[in-house]
């Protein structure tokens, strides 16, 4: 597996997602009464067979939840692997 980089930098995350065909998303059915707070993901619609399970959201919505939950993201430059993790 290739190396991953941990970051909270918005521009870096957006650039990585764009380069890999990813979009900010939540998993449908995980939002709390329409208040957001759904399970965040960077989704890859062109590479996925399960697009119906994801709802694309704006980067502003994504980063609002990202900051509220104090998350960071692990990114791989060699693949579309990403993983949201708690900040240290």
Protein backbone atom coordinates (compact mmCIF):
# COMPACT_ATOMS: atom_id res chain seq x y z
CA UNK A 1 0.00 0.00 0.00
CA UNK A 2 1.24 3.47 -0.79
CA UNK A 3 2.06 6.03 1.86
CA UNK A 4 -0.63 8.30 3.19
CA UNK A 5 -0.48 11.89 4.29
CA UNK A 6 -2.56 13.25 7.16
CA UNK A 7 -3.94 16.75 6.60
CA UNK A 8 -6.61 19.24 7.61
CA UNK A 9 -5.76 21.72 4.82
CA UNK A 10 -8.92 22.49 2.86
CA UNK A 11 -7.18 23.45 -0.40
CA UNK A 12 -5.05 20.31 -0.30
CA UNK A 13 -8.09 18.09 0.32
CA UNK A 14 -10.16 19.69 -2.45
CA UNK A 15 -7.25 19.48 -4.93
CA UNK A 16 -6.63 15.81 -4.09
CA UNK A 17 -10.33 14.97 -4.50
CA UNK A 18 -10.52 16.79 -7.84
CA UNK A 19 -7.42 15.01 -9.15
CA UNK A 20 -8.87 11.61 -8.17
CA UNK A 21 -12.46 12.20 -9.29
CA UNK A 22 -13.85 12.52 -5.77
CA UNK A 23 -16.70 14.66 -4.49
CA UNK A 24 -17.70 15.63 -0.93
CA UNK A 25 -20.56 13.42 0.23
CA UNK A 26 -22.49 11.99 3.12
CA UNK A 27 -23.79 8.47 3.36
CA UNK A 28 -27.57 8.64 2.93
CA UNK A 29 -29.57 7.79 6.01
CA UNK A 30 -26.85 8.87 8.43
CA UNK A 31 -27.89 12.51 8.74
CA UNK A 32 -29.64 13.53 11.95
CA UNK A 33 -33.14 14.92 11.20
CA UNK A 34 -31.93 17.03 8.29
CA UNK A 35 -29.42 18.89 10.46
CA UNK A 36 -26.44 17.56 8.54
CA UNK A 37 -24.14 15.60 10.80
CA UNK A 38 -24.12 12.65 8.39
CA UNK A 39 -21.19 10.30 7.92
CA UNK A 40 -18.76 12.20 5.69
CA UNK A 41 -16.95 10.64 2.78
CA UNK A 42 -15.12 11.62 -0.35
CA UNK A 43 -17.05 9.61 -2.89
CA UNK A 44 -15.86 8.55 -6.34
CA UNK A 45 -19.02 8.34 -8.47
CA UNK A 46 -17.26 7.22 -11.66
CA UNK A 47 -15.58 4.33 -9.83
CA UNK A 48 -18.50 3.27 -7.63
CA UNK A 49 -21.28 0.76 -8.21
CA UNK A 50 -23.15 2.07 -5.15
CA UNK A 51 -23.86 5.70 -6.05
CA UNK A 52 -27.40 5.55 -4.62
CA UNK A 53 -25.99 5.32 -1.08
CA UNK A 54 -24.23 8.68 -1.30
CA UNK A 55 -25.48 12.25 -1.39
CA UNK A 56 -23.13 14.86 -2.81
CA UNK A 57 -22.80 17.96 -0.65
CA UNK A 58 -20.94 21.25 -1.07
CA UNK A 59 -17.38 21.65 0.11
CA UNK A 60 -18.65 24.27 2.58
CA UNK A 61 -21.05 21.72 4.11
CA UNK A 62 -18.32 19.09 4.15
CA UNK A 63 -15.83 21.32 5.93
CA UNK A 64 -18.43 22.62 8.39
CA UNK A 65 -18.93 19.03 9.63
CA UNK A 66 -15.20 18.26 9.23
CA UNK A 67 -14.33 21.11 11.60
CA UNK A 68 -17.21 20.49 14.02
CA UNK A 69 -16.11 16.87 14.42
CA UNK A 70 -12.42 17.87 14.60
CA UNK A 71 -11.43 15.51 11.81
CA UNK A 72 -8.31 15.10 9.70
CA UNK A 73 -7.98 13.02 6.56
CA UNK A 74 -5.46 10.46 5.38
CA UNK A 75 -4.81 10.75 1.65
CA UNK A 76 -2.83 8.56 -0.73
CA UNK A 77 -1.21 10.24 -3.72
CA UNK A 78 -1.05 6.93 -5.62
CA UNK A 79 -4.69 5.90 -5.31
CA UNK A 80 -8.15 7.14 -4.38
CA UNK A 81 -7.70 5.90 -0.79
CA UNK A 82 -8.84 8.39 1.84
CA UNK A 83 -9.88 7.93 5.44
CA UNK A 84 -11.35 10.45 7.85
CA UNK A 85 -9.80 10.22 11.31
CA UNK A 86 -9.88 12.18 14.56
CA UNK A 87 -7.26 14.88 14.90
CA UNK A 88 -4.53 14.19 17.44
